[in-house]
Amino acid sequence: MSDNVTETPHTTVIERRGSGAGILIGIVLLIAVAVGAFYLFNRSQNDNIRTDAISGAAKDVGDSAKKVGDSAQKATDGN
């Protein structure tokens, strides 16, 4: 008797799938950019508010100094 061995070729398919880490990192980066933009926008708004407040205070000081100067002028004119 003879042994009759037949070998059949076979194909192995290996599927590679991502673990989703790339998408997760992308989402985290997107959130970080959004938070950074929000922070910078608010900081800019706060700077504008401070600038307006300082400008208003400087104008008030200038107006007061003018009034003092006018009063001093009137006092010297009367004597």
C-alpha atoms as a PDB file:
ATOM      1  CA  MET A   1       0.000   0.000   0.000  1.00  0.00           C
ATOM      2  CA  SER A   2       1.056   3.418  -0.629  1.00  0.00           C
ATOM      3  CA  ASP A   3       0.100   6.475   1.315  1.00  0.00           C
ATOM      4  CA  ASN A   4      -1.470   9.098  -0.814  1.00  0.00           C
ATOM      5  CA  VAL A   5      -0.935  12.547   0.808  1.00  0.00           C
ATOM      6  CA  THR A   6      -2.393  15.546  -0.883  1.00  0.00           C
ATOM      7  CA  GLU A   7      -1.415  18.956   0.326  1.00  0.00           C
ATOM      8  CA  THR A   8      -3.789  21.730  -0.488  1.00  0.00           C
ATOM      9  CA  PRO A   9      -2.553  25.288  -0.448  1.00  0.00           C
ATOM     10  CA  HIS A  10      -4.341  27.670   1.837  1.00  0.00           C
ATOM     11  CA  THR A  11      -4.417  31.394   2.243  1.00  0.00           C
ATOM     12  CA  THR A  12      -4.242  33.139   5.588  1.00  0.00           C
ATOM     13  CA  VAL A  13      -5.887  36.547   5.724  1.00  0.00           C
ATOM     14  CA  ILE A  14      -4.732  38.901   8.449  1.00  0.00           C
ATOM     15  CA  GLU A  15      -6.900  41.924   9.001  1.00  0.00           C
ATOM     16  CA  ARG A  16      -5.364  44.824  10.770  1.00  0.00           C
ATOM     17  CA  ARG A  17      -7.695  47.178  12.451  1.00  0.00           C
ATOM     18  CA  GLY A  18      -6.764  50.262  14.387  1.00  0.00           C
ATOM     19  CA  SER A  19      -7.483  50.367  18.054  1.00  0.00           C
ATOM     20  CA  GLY A  20      -9.146  53.758  17.724  1.00  0.00           C
ATOM     21  CA  ALA A  21      -6.271  55.469  19.506  1.00  0.00           C
ATOM     22  CA  GLY A  22      -5.687  57.779  16.524  1.00  0.00           C
ATOM     23  CA  ILE A  23      -9.266  59.023  16.618  1.00  0.00           C
ATOM     24  CA  LEU A  24      -9.102  59.458  20.391  1.00  0.00           C
ATOM     25  CA  ILE A  25      -5.891  61.501  20.140  1.00  0.00           C
ATOM     26  CA  GLY A  26      -7.469  63.615  17.393  1.00  0.00           C
ATOM     27  CA  ILE A  27     -10.510  64.356  19.559  1.00  0.00           C
ATOM     28  CA  VAL A  28      -8.332  65.259  22.554  1.00  0.00           C
ATOM     29  CA  LEU A  29      -6.262  67.627  20.388  1.00  0.00           C
ATOM     30  CA  LEU A  30      -9.408  69.226  18.983  1.00  0.00           C
ATOM     31  CA  ILE A  31     -10.732  69.835  22.499  1.00  0.00           C
ATOM     32  CA  ALA A  32      -7.372  71.287  23.587  1.00  0.00           C
ATOM     33  CA  VAL A  33      -7.374  73.703  20.640  1.00  0.00           C
ATOM     34  CA  ALA A  34     -10.957  74.754  21.396  1.00  0.00           C
ATOM     35  CA  VAL A  35     -10.148  75.394  25.075  1.00  0.00           C
ATOM     36  CA  GLY A  36      -7.019  77.352  24.113  1.00  0.00           C
ATOM     37  CA  ALA A  37      -8.946  79.502  21.645  1.00  0.00           C
ATOM     38  CA  PHE A  38     -11.662  80.164  24.245  1.00  0.00           C
ATOM     39  CA  TYR A  39      -9.015  81.180  26.816  1.00  0.00           C
ATOM     40  CA  LEU A  40      -7.255  83.548  24.405  1.00  0.00           C
ATOM     41  CA  PHE A  41     -10.558  85.098  23.288  1.00  0.00           C
ATOM     42  CA  ASN A  42     -11.610  85.761  26.899  1.00  0.00           C
ATOM     43  CA  ARG A  43      -8.201  87.134  27.771  1.00  0.00           C
ATOM     44  CA  SER A  44      -8.437  89.547  24.839  1.00  0.00           C
ATOM     45  CA  GLN A  45     -11.893  90.649  25.973  1.00  0.00           C
ATOM     46  CA  ASN A  46     -10.609  91.224  29.529  1.00  0.00           C
ATOM     47  CA  ASP A  47      -7.683  93.266  28.195  1.00  0.00           C
ATOM     48  CA  ASN A  48     -10.112  95.432  26.215  1.00  0.00           C
ATOM     49  CA  ILE A  49     -12.282  95.963  29.301  1.00  0.00           C
ATOM     50  CA  ARG A  50      -9.219  96.958  31.363  1.00  0.00           C
ATOM     51  CA  THR A  51      -8.010  99.303  28.633  1.00  0.00           C
ATOM     52  CA  ASP A  52     -11.415 100.985  28.471  1.00  0.00           C
ATOM     53  CA  ALA A  53     -11.496 101.338  32.263  1.00  0.00           C
ATOM     54  CA  ILE A  54      -8.008 102.854  32.370  1.00  0.00           C
ATOM     55  CA  SER A  55      -8.830 105.206  29.502  1.00  0.00           C
ATOM     56  CA  GLY A  56     -11.990 106.334  31.294  1.00  0.00           C
ATOM     57  CA  ALA A  57     -10.103 106.903  34.553  1.00  0.00           C
ATOM     58  CA  ALA A  58      -7.374 108.859  32.752  1.00  0.00           C
ATOM     59  CA  LYS A  59     -10.019 111.032  31.101  1.00  0.00           C
ATOM     60  CA  ASP A  60     -11.623 111.700  34.490  1.00  0.00           C
ATOM     61  CA  VAL A  61      -8.247 112.659  35.970  1.00  0.00           C
ATOM     62  CA  GLY A  62      -7.595 114.942  32.992  1.00  0.00           C
ATOM     63  CA  ASP A  63     -10.996 116.601  33.411  1.00  0.00           C
ATOM     64  CA  SER A  64     -10.380 117.095  37.131  1.00  0.00           C
ATOM     65  CA  ALA A  65      -6.934 118.569  36.490  1.00  0.00           C
ATOM     66  CA  LYS A  66      -8.471 121.000  33.987  1.00  0.00           C
ATOM     67  CA  LYS A  67     -11.063 122.077  36.563  1.00  0.00           C
ATOM     68  CA  VAL A  68      -8.336 122.647  39.164  1.00  0.00           C
ATOM     69  CA  GLY A  69      -6.336 124.628  36.634  1.00  0.00           C
ATOM     70  CA  ASP A  70      -9.367 126.730  35.718  1.00  0.00           C
ATOM     71  CA  SER A  71     -10.092 127.398  39.404  1.00  0.00           C
ATOM     72  CA  ALA A  72      -6.492 128.410  40.016  1.00  0.00           C
ATOM     73  CA  GLN A  73      -6.604 130.719  36.998  1.00  0.00           C
ATOM     74  CA  LYS A  74      -9.796 132.367  38.275  1.00  0.00           C
ATOM     75  CA  ALA A  75      -8.256 132.797  41.721  1.00  0.00           C
ATOM     76  CA  THR A  76      -5.190 134.557  40.319  1.00  0.00           C
ATOM     77  CA  ASP A  77      -7.272 136.721  37.981  1.00  0.00           C
ATOM     78  CA  GLY A  78      -9.389 137.967  40.857  1.00  0.00           C
ATOM     79  CA  ASN A  79      -6.393 139.237  42.861  1.00  0.00           C
END
